[in-house]
Amino acid sequence: MLDQLPEGLVPAVVQDGEESRAIVYRREPEPGDVFDGPLSITTSNQGPGPDGIPGAEEVSLHGRTGYLLPLADDGVTYGQMVIWPDDQQRWVLVQWGEQVDADDVLAVAAGARAVGADEWAVLNRTLGAAATLAGEVPDAVEEVVAQGLSADGTVYQLVALVPPDYPLDQNDRRLTCFRLDVDGEIGERRCNSHGWWTRIGGSTIVHGPVSADASGVILTEMSIDGSAVDPTPIEVGIVRTSSPAPTAFFLAEVPGWCWLDVTVTDGTTDLSTMPGGPLPSSEHHAECLAGASSPSTTDGS
């Protein structure tokens, strides 16, 4: 593990395989694939042969001989890497895929340390791909965050699935998943950072996660070409879980809208973005396309 991280880099995800282990670090905020973080450390049973790495510079790390070489693609250098053996006959690889000097990656590698079984178990629990990407927290606590009654009398409620001991540490990145239950039927579990659109009768229910410090969201009805149908938006507040986990959501009912825009009114991180209307798999997709040339009405047409 890397204890002395460059400014702006944080642990993003860990990979625990039979032959290797890796921790990937990325910059905040977190756009894109977490596995594409610029800095990583990997331990593996596989490494250079007895002759080392041709063309690499020999360096000393943690009292052992290692090999330093640039990361390049089509002859263009885009970073640095260093690899050395540890005291357990494993190879440790640090890769930094940014425009950095060799001294920079050596300084980071010099701060690497072995992780014990208990600490690795916590890392796997809080940064493992199952928790950070799929939201597979087996002991998650279900919590009703908000509930309401649609215009046609259908009961719905937003349920959060919160890790019960969140956060275990400052790098705990387990997802709080959520679902929308409608008329007593359990909804599909979502572990995304964007909002969702659900039609109930003639109403559209929009819901999704927002950053913990958000104060509200503004919903605007849009036409398919991206222009506002009605210049008067709807502003709704934030609903939060009562557990210690800093999780927040928005939930709103709008009158049969097909296309909408969601703007977070506050908060340092905007986690809530809505699709531009029902996805092609939705039964209401064709309906919304058919009515795209005119403003929607409360009957959903």
C-alpha atoms as a PDB file:
ATOM      1  CA  MET A   1       0.000   0.000   0.000  1.00  0.00           C
ATOM      2  CA  LEU A   2       1.130   3.578  -0.665  1.00  0.00           C
ATOM      3  CA  ASP A   3       1.020   5.709   2.455  1.00  0.00           C
ATOM      4  CA  GLN A   4       2.633   8.870   1.061  1.00  0.00           C
ATOM      5  CA  LEU A   5       0.249   9.809  -1.727  1.00  0.00           C
ATOM      6  CA  PRO A   6       0.736  12.770  -4.062  1.00  0.00           C
ATOM      7  CA  GLU A   7      -1.710  15.597  -3.441  1.00  0.00           C
ATOM      8  CA  GLY A   8      -5.144  14.992  -4.938  1.00  0.00           C
ATOM      9  CA  LEU A   9      -4.858  11.216  -5.234  1.00  0.00           C
ATOM     10  CA  VAL A  10      -6.997   8.851  -3.153  1.00  0.00           C
ATOM     11  CA  PRO A  11      -7.565   5.077  -3.103  1.00  0.00           C
ATOM     12  CA  ALA A  12     -10.278   4.183  -5.614  1.00  0.00           C
ATOM     13  CA  VAL A  13     -10.565   0.417  -5.956  1.00  0.00           C
ATOM     14  CA  VAL A  14      -8.719  -2.779  -5.040  1.00  0.00           C
ATOM     15  CA  GLN A  15      -8.377  -5.972  -7.042  1.00  0.00           C
ATOM     16  CA  ASP A  16      -7.786  -9.244  -5.221  1.00  0.00           C
ATOM     17  CA  GLY A  17      -6.792 -12.083  -7.541  1.00  0.00           C
ATOM     18  CA  GLU A  18      -5.242 -15.486  -7.063  1.00  0.00           C
ATOM     19  CA  GLU A  19      -1.900 -14.393  -8.525  1.00  0.00           C
ATOM     20  CA  SER A  20      -1.846 -10.677  -7.775  1.00  0.00           C
ATOM     21  CA  ARG A  21      -3.258  -7.851  -5.699  1.00  0.00           C
ATOM     22  CA  ALA A  22      -3.605  -4.231  -6.730  1.00  0.00           C
ATOM     23  CA  ILE A  23      -4.717  -0.879  -5.376  1.00  0.00           C
ATOM     24  CA  VAL A  24      -5.626   1.828  -7.886  1.00  0.00           C
ATOM     25  CA  TYR A  25      -5.511   5.486  -6.912  1.00  0.00           C
ATOM     26  CA  ARG A  26      -7.315   8.264  -8.732  1.00  0.00           C
ATOM     27  CA  ARG A  27      -7.808  11.983  -8.589  1.00  0.00           C
ATOM     28  CA  GLU A  28     -10.887  13.644  -7.174  1.00  0.00           C
ATOM     29  CA  PRO A  29     -13.522  14.182  -8.440  1.00  0.00           C
ATOM     30  CA  GLU A  30     -14.082  10.796 -10.011  1.00  0.00           C
ATOM     31  CA  PRO A  31     -15.022  10.872 -13.685  1.00  0.00           C
ATOM     32  CA  GLY A  32     -14.758   7.725 -15.746  1.00  0.00           C
ATOM     33  CA  ASP A  33     -13.607   4.222 -14.919  1.00  0.00           C
ATOM     34  CA  VAL A  34     -12.130   3.795 -11.431  1.00  0.00           C
ATOM     35  CA  PHE A  35      -9.665   1.268 -12.854  1.00  0.00           C
ATOM     36  CA  ASP A  36      -8.179   4.020 -15.023  1.00  0.00           C
ATOM     37  CA  GLY A  37      -6.675   5.853 -12.054  1.00  0.00           C
ATOM     38  CA  PRO A  38      -3.201   7.209 -12.861  1.00  0.00           C
ATOM     39  CA  LEU A  39      -1.382   5.570  -9.955  1.00  0.00           C
ATOM     40  CA  SER A  40      -1.370   1.926  -8.890  1.00  0.00           C
ATOM     41  CA  ILE A  41       0.596  -0.561  -6.819  1.00  0.00           C
ATOM     42  CA  THR A  42       0.489  -4.261  -7.618  1.00  0.00           C
ATOM     43  CA  THR A  43       2.043  -7.276  -5.919  1.00  0.00           C
ATOM     44  CA  SER A  44       2.481 -10.428  -7.955  1.00  0.00           C
ATOM     45  CA  ASN A  45       4.362 -13.698  -8.023  1.00  0.00           C
ATOM     46  CA  GLN A  46       5.431 -12.887 -11.567  1.00  0.00           C
ATOM     47  CA  GLY A  47       8.333 -10.546 -12.292  1.00  0.00           C
ATOM     48  CA  PRO A  48      11.477 -10.019 -14.356  1.00  0.00           C
ATOM     49  CA  GLY A  49      13.787 -12.915 -15.108  1.00  0.00           C
ATOM     50  CA  PRO A  50      17.310 -13.326 -13.718  1.00  0.00           C
ATOM     51  CA  ASP A  51      18.647 -10.839 -16.244  1.00  0.00           C
ATOM     52  CA  GLY A  52      16.314  -8.076 -15.091  1.00  0.00           C
ATOM     53  CA  ILE A  53      14.591  -5.789 -17.614  1.00  0.00           C
ATOM     54  CA  PRO A  54      16.648  -4.845 -20.686  1.00  0.00           C
ATOM     55  CA  GLY A  55      17.037  -1.091 -20.974  1.00  0.00           C
ATOM     56  CA  ALA A  56      15.731  -0.388 -17.460  1.00  0.00           C
ATOM     57  CA  GLU A  57      17.721   1.572 -14.898  1.00  0.00           C
ATOM     58  CA  GLU A  58      18.692  -0.361 -11.795  1.00  0.00           C
ATOM     59  CA  VAL A  59      17.614   1.333  -8.562  1.00  0.00           C
ATOM     60  CA  SER A  60      17.630   0.462  -4.880  1.00  0.00           C
ATOM     61  CA  LEU A  61      14.274   0.254  -3.101  1.00  0.00           C
ATOM     62  CA  HIS A  62      13.617  -1.102   0.372  1.00  0.00           C
ATOM     63  CA  GLY A  63      17.124  -2.562   0.437  1.00  0.00           C
ATOM     64  CA  ARG A  64      16.717  -4.496  -2.809  1.00  0.00           C
ATOM     65  CA  THR A  65      17.570  -3.997  -6.455  1.00  0.00           C
ATOM     66  CA  GLY A  66      14.695  -2.852  -8.609  1.00  0.00           C
ATOM     67  CA  TYR A  67      14.155  -1.584 -12.130  1.00  0.00           C
ATOM     68  CA  LEU A  68      12.986   1.840 -13.248  1.00  0.00           C
ATOM     69  CA  LEU A  69      11.716   2.606 -16.736  1.00  0.00           C
ATOM     70  CA  PRO A  70       9.346   5.013 -18.469  1.00  0.00           C
ATOM     71  CA  LEU A  71       5.808   4.179 -19.510  1.00  0.00           C
ATOM     72  CA  ALA A  72       5.509   4.833 -23.243  1.00  0.00           C
ATOM     73  CA  ASP A  73       3.009   4.398 -26.038  1.00  0.00           C
ATOM     74  CA  ASP A  74       4.030   4.758 -29.687  1.00  0.00           C
ATOM     75  CA  GLY A  75       7.306   6.235 -28.548  1.00  0.00           C
ATOM     76  CA  VAL A  76       5.651   8.902 -26.373  1.00  0.00           C
ATOM     77  CA  THR A  77       6.434   8.793 -22.653  1.00  0.00           C
ATOM     78  CA  TYR A  78       3.360   9.246 -20.471  1.00  0.00           C
ATOM     79  CA  GLY A  79       4.600   8.158 -17.044  1.00  0.00           C
ATOM     80  CA  GLN A  80       7.032   6.114 -14.996  1.00  0.00           C
ATOM     81  CA  MET A  81       7.102   2.661 -13.427  1.00  0.00           C
ATOM     82  CA  VAL A  82       9.351   0.859 -10.977  1.00  0.00           C
ATOM     83  CA  ILE A  83       9.388  -2.794  -9.934  1.00  0.00           C
ATOM     84  CA  TRP A  84      11.322  -4.533  -7.155  1.00  0.00           C
ATOM     85  CA  PRO A  85      11.194  -7.768  -5.129  1.00  0.00           C
ATOM     86  CA  ASP A  86       9.962  -7.775  -1.537  1.00  0.00           C
ATOM     87  CA  ASP A  87      11.044  -9.974   1.360  1.00  0.00           C
ATOM     88  CA  GLN A  88       8.319 -12.547   0.591  1.00  0.00           C
ATOM     89  CA  GLN A  89       9.575 -13.365  -2.907  1.00  0.00           C
ATOM     90  CA  ARG A  90       6.879 -11.266  -4.540  1.00  0.00           C
ATOM     91  CA  TRP A  91       7.339  -8.475  -7.042  1.00  0.00           C
ATOM     92  CA  VAL A  92       5.975  -5.025  -6.275  1.00  0.00           C
ATOM     93  CA  LEU A  93       5.088  -2.755  -9.196  1.00  0.00           C
ATOM     94  CA  VAL A  94       4.279   0.950  -8.927  1.00  0.00           C
ATOM     95  CA  GLN A  95       2.987   2.643 -12.075  1.00  0.00           C
ATOM     96  CA  TRP A  96       2.284   6.359 -12.377  1.00  0.00           C
ATOM     97  CA  GLY A  97       0.655   7.251 -15.674  1.00  0.00           C
ATOM     98  CA  GLU A  98       1.085  11.020 -15.607  1.00  0.00           C
ATOM     99  CA  GLN A  99       3.813  13.401 -16.692  1.00  0.00           C
ATOM    100  CA  VAL A 100       6.085  12.890 -13.689  1.00  0.00           C
ATOM    101  CA  ASP A 101       9.816  12.574 -13.162  1.00  0.00           C
ATOM    102  CA  ALA A 102      11.574   9.356 -12.222  1.00  0.00           C
ATOM    103  CA  ASP A 103      12.318  10.853  -8.801  1.00  0.00           C
ATOM    104  CA  ASP A 104       8.589  11.296  -8.213  1.00  0.00           C
ATOM    105  CA  VAL A 105       7.683   7.647  -8.728  1.00  0.00           C
ATOM    106  CA  LEU A 106      10.723   6.547  -6.699  1.00  0.00           C
ATOM    107  CA  ALA A 107       9.620   8.758  -3.794  1.00  0.00           C
ATOM    108  CA  VAL A 108       6.119   7.249  -3.888  1.00  0.00           C
ATOM    109  CA  ALA A 109       7.504   3.706  -4.097  1.00  0.00           C
ATOM    110  CA  ALA A 110       9.822   4.370  -1.163  1.00  0.00           C
ATOM    111  CA  GLY A 111       6.707   4.869   0.988  1.00  0.00           C
ATOM    112  CA  ALA A 112       5.150   1.535   0.023  1.00  0.00           C
ATOM    113  CA  ARG A 113       4.438  -0.933   2.811  1.00  0.00           C
ATOM    114  CA  ALA A 114       3.040  -4.425   3.158  1.00  0.00           C
ATOM    115  CA  VAL A 115      -0.603  -4.780   4.212  1.00  0.00           C
ATOM    116  CA  GLY A 116      -1.584  -7.328   6.850  1.00  0.00           C
ATOM    117  CA  ALA A 117      -4.499  -9.722   6.524  1.00  0.00           C
ATOM    118  CA  ASP A 118      -6.890  -7.667   8.691  1.00  0.00           C
ATOM    119  CA  GLU A 119      -6.128  -4.405   6.912  1.00  0.00           C
ATOM    120  CA  TRP A 120      -6.467  -6.069   3.505  1.00  0.00           C
ATOM    121  CA  ALA A 121      -9.865  -7.434   4.540  1.00  0.00           C
ATOM    122  CA  VAL A 122     -11.029  -3.881   5.324  1.00  0.00           C
ATOM    123  CA  LEU A 123      -9.634  -2.617   2.013  1.00  0.00           C
ATOM    124  CA  ASN A 124     -11.504  -5.345   0.176  1.00  0.00           C
ATOM    125  CA  ARG A 125     -14.707  -4.525   2.016  1.00  0.00           C
ATOM    126  CA  THR A 126     -14.550  -0.776   1.441  1.00  0.00           C
ATOM    127  CA  LEU A 127     -12.745  -0.561  -1.916  1.00  0.00           C
ATOM    128  CA  GLY A 128     -13.406  -3.922  -3.549  1.00  0.00           C
ATOM    129  CA  ALA A 129     -15.037  -3.852  -6.966  1.00  0.00           C
ATOM    130  CA  ALA A 130     -18.168  -5.599  -5.658  1.00  0.00           C
ATOM    131  CA  ALA A 131     -18.809  -2.769  -3.184  1.00  0.00           C
ATOM    132  CA  THR A 132     -17.613   0.260  -5.170  1.00  0.00           C
ATOM    133  CA  LEU A 133     -19.024  -0.698  -8.561  1.00  0.00           C
ATOM    134  CA  ALA A 134     -21.911  -3.083  -7.998  1.00  0.00           C
ATOM    135  CA  GLY A 135     -23.033  -2.029  -4.529  1.00  0.00           C
ATOM    136  CA  GLU A 136     -22.974  -5.626  -3.348  1.00  0.00           C
ATOM    137  CA  VAL A 137     -22.995  -4.947   0.379  1.00  0.00           C
ATOM    138  CA  PRO A 138     -24.468  -8.174   1.790  1.00  0.00           C
ATOM    139  CA  ASP A 139     -25.300  -6.749   5.216  1.00  0.00           C
ATOM    140  CA  ALA A 140     -26.873  -3.526   3.931  1.00  0.00           C
ATOM    141  CA  VAL A 141     -29.692  -2.083   6.033  1.00  0.00           C
ATOM    142  CA  GLU A 142     -32.909  -1.165   4.237  1.00  0.00           C
ATOM    143  CA  GLU A 143     -34.213   2.261   5.144  1.00  0.00           C
ATOM    144  CA  VAL A 144     -37.301   4.052   3.829  1.00  0.00           C
ATOM    145  CA  VAL A 145     -36.077   7.484   2.852  1.00  0.00           C
ATOM    146  CA  ALA A 146     -39.283   8.954   1.424  1.00  0.00           C
ATOM    147  CA  GLN A 147     -42.743   7.856   0.448  1.00  0.00           C
ATOM    148  CA  GLY A 148     -45.666   9.407  -1.334  1.00  0.00           C
ATOM    149  CA  LEU A 149     -48.978   8.984  -3.132  1.00  0.00           C
ATOM    150  CA  SER A 150     -49.131   9.564  -6.871  1.00  0.00           C
ATOM    151  CA  ALA A 151     -51.873  11.598  -8.526  1.00  0.00           C
ATOM    152  CA  ASP A 152     -53.791   8.406  -9.327  1.00  0.00           C
ATOM    153  CA  GLY A 153     -53.526   7.105  -5.756  1.00  0.00           C
ATOM    154  CA  THR A 154     -50.616   4.684  -6.205  1.00  0.00           C
ATOM    155  CA  VAL A 155     -48.328   4.422  -3.173  1.00  0.00           C
ATOM    156  CA  TYR A 156     -44.583   4.567  -3.808  1.00  0.00           C
ATOM    157  CA  GLN A 157     -41.522   4.792  -1.585  1.00  0.00           C
ATOM    158  CA  LEU A 158     -37.802   5.320  -2.013  1.00  0.00           C
ATOM    159  CA  VAL A 159     -35.707   2.786  -0.101  1.00  0.00           C
ATOM    160  CA  ALA A 160     -31.978   3.111   0.571  1.00  0.00           C
ATOM    161  CA  LEU A 161     -29.730   0.107   1.195  1.00  0.00           C
ATOM    162  CA  VAL A 162     -27.049   1.467   3.498  1.00  0.00           C
ATOM    163  CA  PRO A 163     -23.894  -0.282   4.757  1.00  0.00           C
ATOM    164  CA  PRO A 164     -24.634  -0.503   8.494  1.00  0.00           C
ATOM    165  CA  ASP A 165     -21.167   0.538   9.694  1.00  0.00           C
ATOM    166  CA  TYR A 166     -20.426   3.154   7.060  1.00  0.00           C
ATOM    167  CA  PRO A 167     -17.908   4.699   7.002  1.00  0.00           C
ATOM    168  CA  LEU A 168     -15.248   2.304   8.273  1.00  0.00           C
ATOM    169  CA  ASP A 169     -12.520   4.805   7.372  1.00  0.00           C
ATOM    170  CA  GLN A 170     -11.977   7.964   5.353  1.00  0.00           C
ATOM    171  CA  ASN A 171     -11.583   5.953   2.137  1.00  0.00           C
ATOM    172  CA  ASP A 172     -14.777   3.927   2.514  1.00  0.00           C
ATOM    173  CA  ARG A 173     -16.296   3.967  -0.976  1.00  0.00           C
ATOM    174  CA  ARG A 174     -19.067   1.442  -0.616  1.00  0.00           C
ATOM    175  CA  LEU A 175     -22.144   2.481  -2.539  1.00  0.00           C
ATOM    176  CA  THR A 176     -25.477   3.124  -0.917  1.00  0.00           C
ATOM    177  CA  CYS A 177     -27.870   1.470  -3.324  1.00  0.00           C
ATOM    178  CA  PHE A 178     -31.530   2.407  -3.644  1.00  0.00           C
ATOM    179  CA  ARG A 179     -34.784   1.279  -5.191  1.00  0.00           C
ATOM    180  CA  LEU A 180     -38.258   2.640  -5.830  1.00  0.00           C
ATOM    181  CA  ASP A 181     -41.066   0.375  -4.595  1.00  0.00           C
ATOM    182  CA  VAL A 182     -44.408   0.967  -6.314  1.00  0.00           C
ATOM    183  CA  ASP A 183     -47.782  -0.269  -5.050  1.00  0.00           C
ATOM    184  CA  GLY A 184     -46.144  -2.775  -2.716  1.00  0.00           C
ATOM    185  CA  GLU A 185     -43.906  -4.308  -5.405  1.00  0.00           C
ATOM    186  CA  ILE A 186     -40.171  -4.328  -4.729  1.00  0.00           C
ATOM    187  CA  GLY A 187     -38.385  -2.166  -7.285  1.00  0.00           C
ATOM    188  CA  GLU A 188     -35.129  -2.853  -9.079  1.00  0.00           C
ATOM    189  CA  ARG A 189     -32.019  -2.261  -7.010  1.00  0.00           C
ATOM    190  CA  ARG A 190     -29.950   0.640  -8.377  1.00  0.00           C
ATOM    191  CA  CYS A 191     -26.343   1.354  -7.470  1.00  0.00           C
ATOM    192  CA  ASN A 192     -25.725   4.166  -9.932  1.00  0.00           C
ATOM    193  CA  SER A 193     -24.701   7.756  -9.440  1.00  0.00           C
ATOM    194  CA  HIS A 194     -27.381   9.056 -11.812  1.00  0.00           C
ATOM    195  CA  GLY A 195     -31.103   9.525 -11.468  1.00  0.00           C
ATOM    196  CA  TRP A 196     -33.938   7.360 -12.737  1.00  0.00           C
ATOM    197  CA  TRP A 197     -37.304   7.929 -14.434  1.00  0.00           C
ATOM    198  CA  THR A 198     -40.420   5.867 -13.589  1.00  0.00           C
ATOM    199  CA  ARG A 199     -43.938   6.341 -14.945  1.00  0.00           C
ATOM    200  CA  ILE A 200     -46.835   5.714 -12.538  1.00  0.00           C
ATOM    201  CA  GLY A 201     -50.168   6.232 -14.228  1.00  0.00           C
ATOM    202  CA  GLY A 202     -50.118   9.722 -15.695  1.00  0.00           C
ATOM    203  CA  SER A 203     -47.240  10.916 -13.514  1.00  0.00           C
ATOM    204  CA  THR A 204     -43.492  10.701 -13.838  1.00  0.00           C
ATOM    205  CA  ILE A 205     -41.513   9.899 -10.683  1.00  0.00           C
ATOM    206  CA  VAL A 206     -37.873  11.003 -10.818  1.00  0.00           C
ATOM    207  CA  HIS A 207     -35.421   9.940  -8.154  1.00  0.00           C
ATOM    208  CA  GLY A 208     -31.732   9.382  -7.584  1.00  0.00           C
ATOM    209  CA  PRO A 209     -28.695  10.124  -5.423  1.00  0.00           C
ATOM    210  CA  VAL A 210     -27.075  13.495  -4.886  1.00  0.00           C
ATOM    211  CA  SER A 211     -24.000  14.630  -2.988  1.00  0.00           C
ATOM    212  CA  ALA A 212     -24.364  14.692   0.779  1.00  0.00           C
ATOM    213  CA  ASP A 213     -24.045  18.483   0.937  1.00  0.00           C
ATOM    214  CA  ALA A 214     -26.684  19.225  -1.707  1.00  0.00           C
ATOM    215  CA  SER A 215     -29.585  21.417  -0.593  1.00  0.00           C
ATOM    216  CA  GLY A 216     -32.071  20.755  -3.376  1.00  0.00           C
ATOM    217  CA  VAL A 217     -32.649  20.064  -7.050  1.00  0.00           C
ATOM    218  CA  ILE A 218     -34.398  21.975  -9.816  1.00  0.00           C
ATOM    219  CA  LEU A 219     -36.395  19.956 -12.357  1.00  0.00           C
ATOM    220  CA  THR A 220     -37.148  21.449 -15.764  1.00  0.00           C
ATOM    221  CA  GLU A 221     -39.374  19.898 -18.435  1.00  0.00           C
ATOM    222  CA  MET A 222     -37.495  19.660 -21.708  1.00  0.00           C
ATOM    223  CA  SER A 223     -38.403  18.933 -25.297  1.00  0.00           C
ATOM    224  CA  ILE A 224     -36.555  16.252 -27.215  1.00  0.00           C
ATOM    225  CA  ASP A 225     -34.379  18.923 -28.868  1.00  0.00           C
ATOM    226  CA  GLY A 226     -33.126  20.113 -25.479  1.00  0.00           C
ATOM    227  CA  SER A 227     -35.141  23.312 -25.158  1.00  0.00           C
ATOM    228  CA  ALA A 228     -37.263  24.027 -22.097  1.00  0.00           C
ATOM    229  CA  VAL A 229     -40.979  23.361 -22.533  1.00  0.00           C
ATOM    230  CA  ASP A 230     -41.972  25.462 -19.533  1.00  0.00           C
ATOM    231  CA  PRO A 231     -39.601  28.148 -18.212  1.00  0.00           C
ATOM    232  CA  THR A 232     -40.994  27.618 -14.699  1.00  0.00           C
ATOM    233  CA  PRO A 233     -39.067  24.735 -13.088  1.00  0.00           C
ATOM    234  CA  ILE A 234     -40.022  22.642 -10.082  1.00  0.00           C
ATOM    235  CA  GLU A 235     -37.725  22.849  -7.073  1.00  0.00           C
ATOM    236  CA  VAL A 236     -37.658  19.989  -4.561  1.00  0.00           C
ATOM    237  CA  GLY A 237     -35.735  19.390  -1.374  1.00  0.00           C
ATOM    238  CA  ILE A 238     -33.319  16.628  -0.461  1.00  0.00           C
ATOM    239  CA  VAL A 239     -34.224  13.505   1.501  1.00  0.00           C
ATOM    240  CA  ARG A 240     -31.540  11.862   3.630  1.00  0.00           C
ATOM    241  CA  THR A 241     -30.963   8.600   5.411  1.00  0.00           C
ATOM    242  CA  SER A 242     -31.176   8.731   9.194  1.00  0.00           C
ATOM    243  CA  SER A 243     -28.174   6.435   9.659  1.00  0.00           C
ATOM    244  CA  PRO A 244     -24.669   7.896  10.018  1.00  0.00           C
ATOM    245  CA  ALA A 245     -23.939   7.261   6.347  1.00  0.00           C
ATOM    246  CA  PRO A 246     -23.844  10.597   4.502  1.00  0.00           C
ATOM    247  CA  THR A 247     -26.306   9.615   1.795  1.00  0.00           C
ATOM    248  CA  ALA A 248     -28.851  11.900   0.187  1.00  0.00           C
ATOM    249  CA  PHE A 249     -31.447  11.572  -2.561  1.00  0.00           C
ATOM    250  CA  PHE A 250     -34.095  13.513  -4.421  1.00  0.00           C
ATOM    251  CA  LEU A 251     -37.614  12.257  -5.146  1.00  0.00           C
ATOM    252  CA  ALA A 252     -40.228  14.181  -7.075  1.00  0.00           C
ATOM    253  CA  GLU A 253     -43.470  13.611  -8.956  1.00  0.00           C
ATOM    254  CA  VAL A 254     -43.969  15.644 -12.111  1.00  0.00           C
ATOM    255  CA  PRO A 255     -47.066  15.666 -14.348  1.00  0.00           C
ATOM    256  CA  GLY A 256     -46.355  13.170 -17.091  1.00  0.00           C
ATOM    257  CA  TRP A 257     -43.057  14.648 -18.239  1.00  0.00           C
ATOM    258  CA  CYS A 258     -41.073  12.693 -20.806  1.00  0.00           C
ATOM    259  CA  TRP A 259     -37.855  14.689 -21.065  1.00  0.00           C
ATOM    260  CA  LEU A 260     -36.337  16.601 -18.189  1.00  0.00           C
ATOM    261  CA  ASP A 261     -33.232  18.222 -16.800  1.00  0.00           C
ATOM    262  CA  VAL A 262     -32.046  17.932 -13.194  1.00  0.00           C
ATOM    263  CA  THR A 263     -29.853  20.626 -11.652  1.00  0.00           C
ATOM    264  CA  VAL A 264     -28.451  20.352  -8.134  1.00  0.00           C
ATOM    265  CA  THR A 265     -28.878  23.703  -6.393  1.00  0.00           C
ATOM    266  CA  ASP A 266     -25.924  23.251  -4.045  1.00  0.00           C
ATOM    267  CA  GLY A 267     -23.186  20.816  -3.142  1.00  0.00           C
ATOM    268  CA  THR A 268     -19.574  20.425  -4.132  1.00  0.00           C
ATOM    269  CA  THR A 269     -20.211  17.290  -6.199  1.00  0.00           C
ATOM    270  CA  ASP A 270     -23.083  16.834  -8.648  1.00  0.00           C
ATOM    271  CA  LEU A 271     -23.859  13.119  -8.662  1.00  0.00           C
ATOM    272  CA  SER A 272     -27.317  13.432 -10.101  1.00  0.00           C
ATOM    273  CA  THR A 273     -27.788  13.495 -13.853  1.00  0.00           C
ATOM    274  CA  MET A 274     -30.918  12.278 -15.558  1.00  0.00           C
ATOM    275  CA  PRO A 275     -31.303  10.456 -18.837  1.00  0.00           C
ATOM    276  CA  GLY A 276     -33.047  12.608 -21.428  1.00  0.00           C
ATOM    277  CA  GLY A 277     -36.228  10.608 -21.271  1.00  0.00           C
ATOM    278  CA  PRO A 278     -37.388   6.978 -21.098  1.00  0.00           C
ATOM    279  CA  LEU A 279     -34.843   4.484 -22.374  1.00  0.00           C
ATOM    280  CA  PRO A 280     -35.702   2.438 -25.484  1.00  0.00           C
ATOM    281  CA  SER A 281     -36.438  -0.551 -23.236  1.00  0.00           C
ATOM    282  CA  SER A 282     -39.202   1.406 -21.474  1.00  0.00           C
ATOM    283  CA  GLU A 283     -42.799   0.814 -22.504  1.00  0.00           C
ATOM    284  CA  HIS A 284     -43.225   4.596 -22.534  1.00  0.00           C
ATOM    285  CA  HIS A 285     -40.379   5.274 -24.976  1.00  0.00           C
ATOM    286  CA  ALA A 286     -42.554   5.179 -28.109  1.00  0.00           C
ATOM    287  CA  GLU A 287     -45.241   7.169 -26.331  1.00  0.00           C
ATOM    288  CA  CYS A 288     -42.808   9.960 -25.512  1.00  0.00           C
ATOM    289  CA  LEU A 289     -41.341   9.997 -28.997  1.00  0.00           C
ATOM    290  CA  ALA A 290     -44.841  10.279 -30.464  1.00  0.00           C
ATOM    291  CA  GLY A 291     -45.610  13.290 -28.277  1.00  0.00           C
ATOM    292  CA  ALA A 292     -42.199  14.924 -28.628  1.00  0.00           C
ATOM    293  CA  SER A 293     -43.443  17.712 -30.869  1.00  0.00           C
ATOM    294  CA  SER A 294     -45.820  19.080 -28.252  1.00  0.00           C
ATOM    295  CA  PRO A 295     -45.711  19.714 -24.491  1.00  0.00           C
ATOM    296  CA  SER A 296     -46.770  16.797 -22.309  1.00  0.00           C
ATOM    297  CA  THR A 297     -49.956  16.761 -20.279  1.00  0.00           C
ATOM    298  CA  THR A 298     -50.925  15.193 -16.996  1.00  0.00           C
ATOM    299  CA  ASP A 299     -52.311  12.132 -18.776  1.00  0.00           C
ATOM    300  CA  GLY A 300     -48.806  11.321 -20.010  1.00  0.00           C
ATOM    301  CA  SER A 301     -49.522  11.902 -23.695  1.00  0.00           C
END
